[in-house]
Amino acid sequence: MHGVYPAGIDTDMTAGVDTAKTAPAQVAAGLLDGLVLDMEDIFPDPNAQAMAPTWWSDPKAFERAFSGAAAA
């Protein structure tokens, strides 16, 4: 089983969101790399990879950080 945790993806849906975004092709490539490596948790882009240590060390802090971002 795999979990995929991308950060901002540069799509029409996120066009008005002022945050770091990654091109969809780069996210897709990272996802496929994670599947090939049989990774359980896949952080398919550089922004997601930067957040991974917080995800693993303090999941509640991760949730708090991004629940506020979603409301903004």
PDB file of N, CA and C in Angstrom:
ATOM      1  N   MET A   1       0.842  -1.166   0.000  1.00  0.00           N
ATOM      2  CA  MET A   1       0.000   0.000   0.000  1.00  0.00           C
ATOM      3  C   MET A   1       0.897   1.242   0.000  1.00  0.00           C
ATOM      4  N   HIS A   2       0.423   2.265  -0.701  1.00  0.00           N
ATOM      5  CA  HIS A   2       1.191   3.496  -0.825  1.00  0.00           C
ATOM      6  C   HIS A   2       0.332   4.686  -0.425  1.00  0.00           C
ATOM      7  N   GLY A   3       0.963   5.668   0.191  1.00  0.00           N
ATOM      8  CA  GLY A   3       0.340   6.963   0.431  1.00  0.00           C
ATOM      9  C   GLY A   3       1.117   7.989  -0.374  1.00  0.00           C
ATOM     10  N   VAL A   4       0.409   8.877  -1.048  1.00  0.00           N
ATOM     11  CA  VAL A   4       1.057   9.896  -1.866  1.00  0.00           C
ATOM     12  C   VAL A   4       0.706  11.262  -1.288  1.00  0.00           C
ATOM     13  N   TYR A   5       1.728  12.061  -1.003  1.00  0.00           N
ATOM     14  CA  TYR A   5       1.548  13.325  -0.312  1.00  0.00           C
ATOM     15  C   TYR A   5       2.233  14.455  -1.064  1.00  0.00           C
ATOM     16  N   PRO A   6       1.630  14.916  -2.163  1.00  0.00           N
ATOM     17  CA  PRO A   6       2.245  16.021  -2.890  1.00  0.00           C
ATOM     18  C   PRO A   6       1.999  17.344  -2.169  1.00  0.00           C
ATOM     19  N   ALA A   7       2.837  18.310  -2.446  1.00  0.00           N
ATOM     20  CA  ALA A   7       2.592  19.684  -1.983  1.00  0.00           C
ATOM     21  C   ALA A   7       1.848  20.392  -3.108  1.00  0.00           C
ATOM     22  N   GLY A   8       1.958  21.697  -3.204  1.00  0.00           N
ATOM     23  CA  GLY A   8       1.240  22.432  -4.231  1.00  0.00           C
ATOM     24  C   GLY A   8       1.621  21.986  -5.631  1.00  0.00           C
ATOM     25  N   ILE A   9       0.605  21.732  -6.436  1.00  0.00           N
ATOM     26  CA  ILE A   9       0.821  21.344  -7.829  1.00  0.00           C
ATOM     27  C   ILE A   9       0.311  22.492  -8.699  1.00  0.00           C
ATOM     28  N   ASP A  10       1.079  22.873  -9.681  1.00  0.00           N
ATOM     29  CA  ASP A  10       0.745  24.011 -10.532  1.00  0.00           C
ATOM     30  C   ASP A  10      -0.340  23.612 -11.537  1.00  0.00           C
ATOM     31  N   THR A  11      -1.603  23.767 -11.120  1.00  0.00           N
ATOM     32  CA  THR A  11      -2.754  23.431 -11.956  1.00  0.00           C
ATOM     33  C   THR A  11      -3.692  24.627 -12.010  1.00  0.00           C
ATOM     34  N   ASP A  12      -4.715  24.534 -12.835  1.00  0.00           N
ATOM     35  CA  ASP A  12      -5.725  25.590 -12.890  1.00  0.00           C
ATOM     36  C   ASP A  12      -6.378  25.795 -11.530  1.00  0.00           C
ATOM     37  N   MET A  13      -6.569  24.712 -10.780  1.00  0.00           N
ATOM     38  CA  MET A  13      -7.224  24.802  -9.481  1.00  0.00           C
ATOM     39  C   MET A  13      -6.425  25.637  -8.484  1.00  0.00           C
ATOM     40  N   THR A  14      -5.105  25.638  -8.610  1.00  0.00           N
ATOM     41  CA  THR A  14      -4.272  26.399  -7.669  1.00  0.00           C
ATOM     42  C   THR A  14      -3.757  27.707  -8.268  1.00  0.00           C
ATOM     43  N   ALA A  15      -4.329  28.129  -9.394  1.00  0.00           N
ATOM     44  CA  ALA A  15      -3.853  29.332 -10.081  1.00  0.00           C
ATOM     45  C   ALA A  15      -3.887  30.572  -9.189  1.00  0.00           C
ATOM     46  N   GLY A  16      -4.876  30.711  -8.333  1.00  0.00           N
ATOM     47  CA  GLY A  16      -4.985  31.890  -7.482  1.00  0.00           C
ATOM     48  C   GLY A  16      -4.338  31.745  -6.119  1.00  0.00           C
ATOM     49  N   VAL A  17      -3.667  30.650  -5.876  1.00  0.00           N
ATOM     50  CA  VAL A  17      -3.053  30.390  -4.575  1.00  0.00           C
ATOM     51  C   VAL A  17      -1.585  30.809  -4.628  1.00  0.00           C
ATOM     52  N   ASP A  18      -1.206  31.686  -3.720  1.00  0.00           N
ATOM     53  CA  ASP A  18       0.165  32.192  -3.683  1.00  0.00           C
ATOM     54  C   ASP A  18       1.027  31.300  -2.791  1.00  0.00           C
ATOM     55  N   THR A  19       1.544  30.256  -3.378  1.00  0.00           N
ATOM     56  CA  THR A  19       2.409  29.320  -2.661  1.00  0.00           C
ATOM     57  C   THR A  19       3.339  28.649  -3.673  1.00  0.00           C
ATOM     58  N   ALA A  20       4.344  27.992  -3.175  1.00  0.00           N
ATOM     59  CA  ALA A  20       5.255  27.257  -4.061  1.00  0.00           C
ATOM     60  C   ALA A  20       4.497  26.112  -4.713  1.00  0.00           C
ATOM     61  N   LYS A  21       4.706  25.953  -6.016  1.00  0.00           N
ATOM     62  CA  LYS A  21       4.022  24.898  -6.763  1.00  0.00           C
ATOM     63  C   LYS A  21       5.023  24.179  -7.657  1.00  0.00           C
ATOM     64  N   THR A  22       4.713  22.938  -7.934  1.00  0.00           N
ATOM     65  CA  THR A  22       5.551  22.104  -8.788  1.00  0.00           C
ATOM     66  C   THR A  22       4.762  21.721 -10.035  1.00  0.00           C
ATOM     67  N   ALA A  23       5.453  21.641 -11.157  1.00  0.00           N
ATOM     68  CA  ALA A  23       4.809  21.259 -12.413  1.00  0.00           C
ATOM     69  C   ALA A  23       4.223  19.850 -12.293  1.00  0.00           C
ATOM     70  N   PRO A  24       3.028  19.637 -12.851  1.00  0.00           N
ATOM     71  CA  PRO A  24       2.396  18.317 -12.770  1.00  0.00           C
ATOM     72  C   PRO A  24       3.280  17.178 -13.281  1.00  0.00           C
ATOM     73  N   ALA A  25       4.019  17.404 -14.344  1.00  0.00           N
ATOM     74  CA  ALA A  25       4.877  16.341 -14.881  1.00  0.00           C
ATOM     75  C   ALA A  25       5.953  15.936 -13.877  1.00  0.00           C
ATOM     76  N   GLN A  26       6.481  16.906 -13.140  1.00  0.00           N
ATOM     77  CA  GLN A  26       7.506  16.596 -12.136  1.00  0.00           C
ATOM     78  C   GLN A  26       6.896  15.811 -10.974  1.00  0.00           C
ATOM     79  N   VAL A  27       5.676  16.169 -10.573  1.00  0.00           N
ATOM     80  CA  VAL A  27       4.994  15.422  -9.508  1.00  0.00           C
ATOM     81  C   VAL A  27       4.713  13.994  -9.970  1.00  0.00           C
ATOM     82  N   ALA A  28       4.228  13.850 -11.204  1.00  0.00           N
ATOM     83  CA  ALA A  28       3.950  12.510 -11.743  1.00  0.00           C
ATOM     84  C   ALA A  28       5.217  11.662 -11.792  1.00  0.00           C
ATOM     85  N   ALA A  29       6.325  12.260 -12.213  1.00  0.00           N
ATOM     86  CA  ALA A  29       7.591  11.521 -12.266  1.00  0.00           C
ATOM     87  C   ALA A  29       8.015  11.074 -10.866  1.00  0.00           C
ATOM     88  N   GLY A  30       7.866  11.954  -9.885  1.00  0.00           N
ATOM     89  CA  GLY A  30       8.205  11.599  -8.504  1.00  0.00           C
ATOM     90  C   GLY A  30       7.317  10.491  -7.969  1.00  0.00           C
ATOM     91  N   LEU A  31       6.043  10.532  -8.337  1.00  0.00           N
ATOM     92  CA  LEU A  31       5.121   9.479  -7.927  1.00  0.00           C
ATOM     93  C   LEU A  31       5.537   8.142  -8.520  1.00  0.00           C
ATOM     94  N   LEU A  32       5.831   8.131  -9.805  1.00  0.00           N
ATOM     95  CA  LEU A  32       6.252   6.883 -10.451  1.00  0.00           C
ATOM     96  C   LEU A  32       7.565   6.364  -9.864  1.00  0.00           C
ATOM     97  N   ASP A  33       8.493   7.267  -9.575  1.00  0.00           N
ATOM     98  CA  ASP A  33       9.746   6.847  -8.933  1.00  0.00           C
ATOM     99  C   ASP A  33       9.463   6.182  -7.594  1.00  0.00           C
ATOM    100  N   GLY A  34       8.562   6.768  -6.808  1.00  0.00           N
ATOM    101  CA  GLY A  34       8.206   6.182  -5.516  1.00  0.00           C
ATOM    102  C   GLY A  34       7.588   4.802  -5.650  1.00  0.00           C
ATOM    103  N   LEU A  35       6.761   4.619  -6.677  1.00  0.00           N
ATOM    104  CA  LEU A  35       6.162   3.300  -6.901  1.00  0.00           C
ATOM    105  C   LEU A  35       7.214   2.277  -7.296  1.00  0.00           C
ATOM    106  N   VAL A  36       8.125   2.677  -8.171  1.00  0.00           N
ATOM    107  CA  VAL A  36       9.198   1.771  -8.594  1.00  0.00           C
ATOM    108  C   VAL A  36      10.042   1.348  -7.395  1.00  0.00           C
ATOM    109  N   LEU A  37      10.285   2.294  -6.490  1.00  0.00           N
ATOM    110  CA  LEU A  37      11.093   2.005  -5.298  1.00  0.00           C
ATOM    111  C   LEU A  37      10.275   1.345  -4.184  1.00  0.00           C
ATOM    112  N   ASP A  38       8.983   1.127  -4.429  1.00  0.00           N
ATOM    113  CA  ASP A  38       8.064   0.521  -3.467  1.00  0.00           C
ATOM    114  C   ASP A  38       8.058   1.270  -2.136  1.00  0.00           C
ATOM    115  N   MET A  39       8.045   2.600  -2.229  1.00  0.00           N
ATOM    116  CA  MET A  39       7.996   3.432  -1.030  1.00  0.00           C
ATOM    117  C   MET A  39       6.576   3.427  -0.473  1.00  0.00           C
ATOM    118  N   GLU A  40       6.448   3.317   0.830  1.00  0.00           N
ATOM    119  CA  GLU A  40       5.127   3.343   1.453  1.00  0.00           C
ATOM    120  C   GLU A  40       4.562   4.763   1.453  1.00  0.00           C
ATOM    121  N   ASP A  41       5.361   5.737   1.849  1.00  0.00           N
ATOM    122  CA  ASP A  41       4.981   7.145   1.846  1.00  0.00           C
ATOM    123  C   ASP A  41       5.746   7.838   0.732  1.00  0.00           C
ATOM    124  N   ILE A  42       5.019   8.372  -0.241  1.00  0.00           N
ATOM    125  CA  ILE A  42       5.652   9.000  -1.392  1.00  0.00           C
ATOM    126  C   ILE A  42       5.423  10.512  -1.326  1.00  0.00           C
ATOM    127  N   PHE A  43       6.498  11.262  -1.232  1.00  0.00           N
ATOM    128  CA  PHE A  43       6.475  12.720  -1.280  1.00  0.00           C
ATOM    129  C   PHE A  43       7.083  13.077  -2.635  1.00  0.00           C
ATOM    130  N   PRO A  44       6.235  13.273  -3.669  1.00  0.00           N
ATOM    131  CA  PRO A  44       6.707  13.243  -5.042  1.00  0.00           C
ATOM    132  C   PRO A  44       7.333  14.517  -5.603  1.00  0.00           C
ATOM    133  N   ASP A  45       7.493  15.533  -4.788  1.00  0.00           N
ATOM    134  CA  ASP A  45       8.047  16.781  -5.309  1.00  0.00           C
ATOM    135  C   ASP A  45       8.910  17.445  -4.241  1.00  0.00           C
ATOM    136  N   PRO A  46       9.744  18.397  -4.625  1.00  0.00           N
ATOM    137  CA  PRO A  46      10.665  19.008  -3.661  1.00  0.00           C
ATOM    138  C   PRO A  46       9.972  19.650  -2.465  1.00  0.00           C
ATOM    139  N   ASN A  47       8.830  20.312  -2.669  1.00  0.00           N
ATOM    140  CA  ASN A  47       8.140  20.940  -1.542  1.00  0.00           C
ATOM    141  C   ASN A  47       7.606  19.899  -0.573  1.00  0.00           C
ATOM    142  N   ALA A  48       7.064  18.833  -1.095  1.00  0.00           N
ATOM    143  CA  ALA A  48       6.575  17.751  -0.240  1.00  0.00           C
ATOM    144  C   ALA A  48       7.729  17.090   0.512  1.00  0.00           C
ATOM    145  N   GLN A  49       8.850  16.901  -0.172  1.00  0.00           N
ATOM    146  CA  GLN A  49      10.015  16.292   0.476  1.00  0.00           C
ATOM    147  C   GLN A  49      10.524  17.164   1.620  1.00  0.00           C
ATOM    148  N   ALA A  50      10.413  18.468   1.474  1.00  0.00           N
ATOM    149  CA  ALA A  50      10.837  19.374   2.548  1.00  0.00           C
ATOM    150  C   ALA A  50       9.915  19.266   3.763  1.00  0.00           C
ATOM    151  N   MET A  51       8.650  18.906   3.541  1.00  0.00           N
ATOM    152  CA  MET A  51       7.689  18.772   4.641  1.00  0.00           C
ATOM    153  C   MET A  51       7.719  17.392   5.286  1.00  0.00           C
ATOM    154  N   ALA A  52       8.313  16.414   4.624  1.00  0.00           N
ATOM    155  CA  ALA A  52       8.298  15.034   5.110  1.00  0.00           C
ATOM    156  C   ALA A  52       8.846  14.869   6.525  1.00  0.00           C
ATOM    157  N   PRO A  53       9.948  15.519   6.904  1.00  0.00           N
ATOM    158  CA  PRO A  53      10.437  15.324   8.278  1.00  0.00           C
ATOM    159  C   PRO A  53       9.415  15.724   9.344  1.00  0.00           C
ATOM    160  N   THR A  54       8.654  16.796   9.103  1.00  0.00           N
ATOM    161  CA  THR A  54       7.621  17.190  10.062  1.00  0.00           C
ATOM    162  C   THR A  54       6.501  16.160  10.075  1.00  0.00           C
ATOM    163  N   TRP A  55       6.141  15.665   8.911  1.00  0.00           N
ATOM    164  CA  TRP A  55       5.108  14.622   8.818  1.00  0.00           C
ATOM    165  C   TRP A  55       5.475  13.432   9.700  1.00  0.00           C
ATOM    166  N   TRP A  56       6.727  12.990   9.600  1.00  0.00           N
ATOM    167  CA  TRP A  56       7.147  11.809  10.355  1.00  0.00           C
ATOM    168  C   TRP A  56       7.400  12.106  11.832  1.00  0.00           C
ATOM    169  N   SER A  57       7.910  13.276  12.151  1.00  0.00           N
ATOM    170  CA  SER A  57       8.284  13.539  13.542  1.00  0.00           C
ATOM    171  C   SER A  57       7.125  14.067  14.377  1.00  0.00           C
ATOM    172  N   ASP A  58       6.207  14.824  13.762  1.00  0.00           N
ATOM    173  CA  ASP A  58       5.115  15.425  14.538  1.00  0.00           C
ATOM    174  C   ASP A  58       3.891  15.607  13.634  1.00  0.00           C
ATOM    175  N   PRO A  59       3.161  14.537  13.377  1.00  0.00           N
ATOM    176  CA  PRO A  59       2.023  14.622  12.448  1.00  0.00           C
ATOM    177  C   PRO A  59       0.988  15.673  12.847  1.00  0.00           C
ATOM    178  N   LYS A  60       0.768  15.875  14.131  1.00  0.00           N
ATOM    179  CA  LYS A  60      -0.212  16.875  14.564  1.00  0.00           C
ATOM    180  C   LYS A  60       0.264  18.284  14.223  1.00  0.00           C
ATOM    181  N   ALA A  61       1.545  18.553  14.349  1.00  0.00           N
ATOM    182  CA  ALA A  61       2.079  19.860  13.956  1.00  0.00           C
ATOM    183  C   ALA A  61       1.904  20.064  12.459  1.00  0.00           C
ATOM    184  N   PHE A  62       2.099  19.005  11.709  1.00  0.00           N
ATOM    185  CA  PHE A  62       1.898  19.050  10.259  1.00  0.00           C
ATOM    186  C   PHE A  62       0.443  19.402   9.945  1.00  0.00           C
ATOM    187  N   GLU A  63      -0.481  18.734  10.606  1.00  0.00           N
ATOM    188  CA  GLU A  63      -1.913  19.012  10.400  1.00  0.00           C
ATOM    189  C   GLU A  63      -2.258  20.449  10.748  1.00  0.00           C
ATOM    190  N   ARG A  64      -1.737  20.934  11.881  1.00  0.00           N
ATOM    191  CA  ARG A  64      -2.021  22.318  12.288  1.00  0.00           C
ATOM    192  C   ARG A  64      -1.472  23.310  11.274  1.00  0.00           C
ATOM    193  N   ALA A  65      -0.280  23.059  10.774  1.00  0.00           N
ATOM    194  CA  ALA A  65       0.345  23.977   9.817  1.00  0.00           C
ATOM    195  C   ALA A  65      -0.475  24.071   8.541  1.00  0.00           C
ATOM    196  N   PHE A  66      -1.030  22.972   8.103  1.00  0.00           N
ATOM    197  CA  PHE A  66      -1.717  22.974   6.823  1.00  0.00           C
ATOM    198  C   PHE A  66      -3.212  23.147   6.929  1.00  0.00           C
ATOM    199  N   SER A  67      -3.782  23.001   8.104  1.00  0.00           N
ATOM    200  CA  SER A  67      -5.198  23.322   8.237  1.00  0.00           C
ATOM    201  C   SER A  67      -5.381  24.833   8.156  1.00  0.00           C
ATOM    202  N   GLY A  68      -4.438  25.580   8.690  1.00  0.00           N
ATOM    203  CA  GLY A  68      -4.478  27.040   8.580  1.00  0.00           C
ATOM    204  C   GLY A  68      -4.233  27.498   7.161  1.00  0.00           C
ATOM    205  N   ALA A  69      -3.369  26.821   6.439  1.00  0.00           N
ATOM    206  CA  ALA A  69      -3.073  27.183   5.059  1.00  0.00           C
ATOM    207  C   ALA A  69      -4.295  26.960   4.179  1.00  0.00           C
ATOM    208  N   ALA A  70      -5.058  25.910   4.448  1.00  0.00           N
ATOM    209  CA  ALA A  70      -6.231  25.618   3.632  1.00  0.00           C
ATOM    210  C   ALA A  70      -7.328  26.648   3.860  1.00  0.00           C
ATOM    211  N   ALA A  71      -7.378  27.214   5.061  1.00  0.00           N
ATOM    212  CA  ALA A  71      -8.425  28.178   5.375  1.00  0.00           C
ATOM    213  C   ALA A  71      -8.102  29.563   4.817  1.00  0.00           C
ATOM    214  N   ALA A  72      -6.838  29.796   4.495  1.00  0.00           N
ATOM    215  CA  ALA A  72      -6.428  31.130   4.032  1.00  0.00           C
ATOM    216  C   ALA A  72      -6.911  31.440   2.641  1.00  0.00           C
TER     217      ALA A  72
END
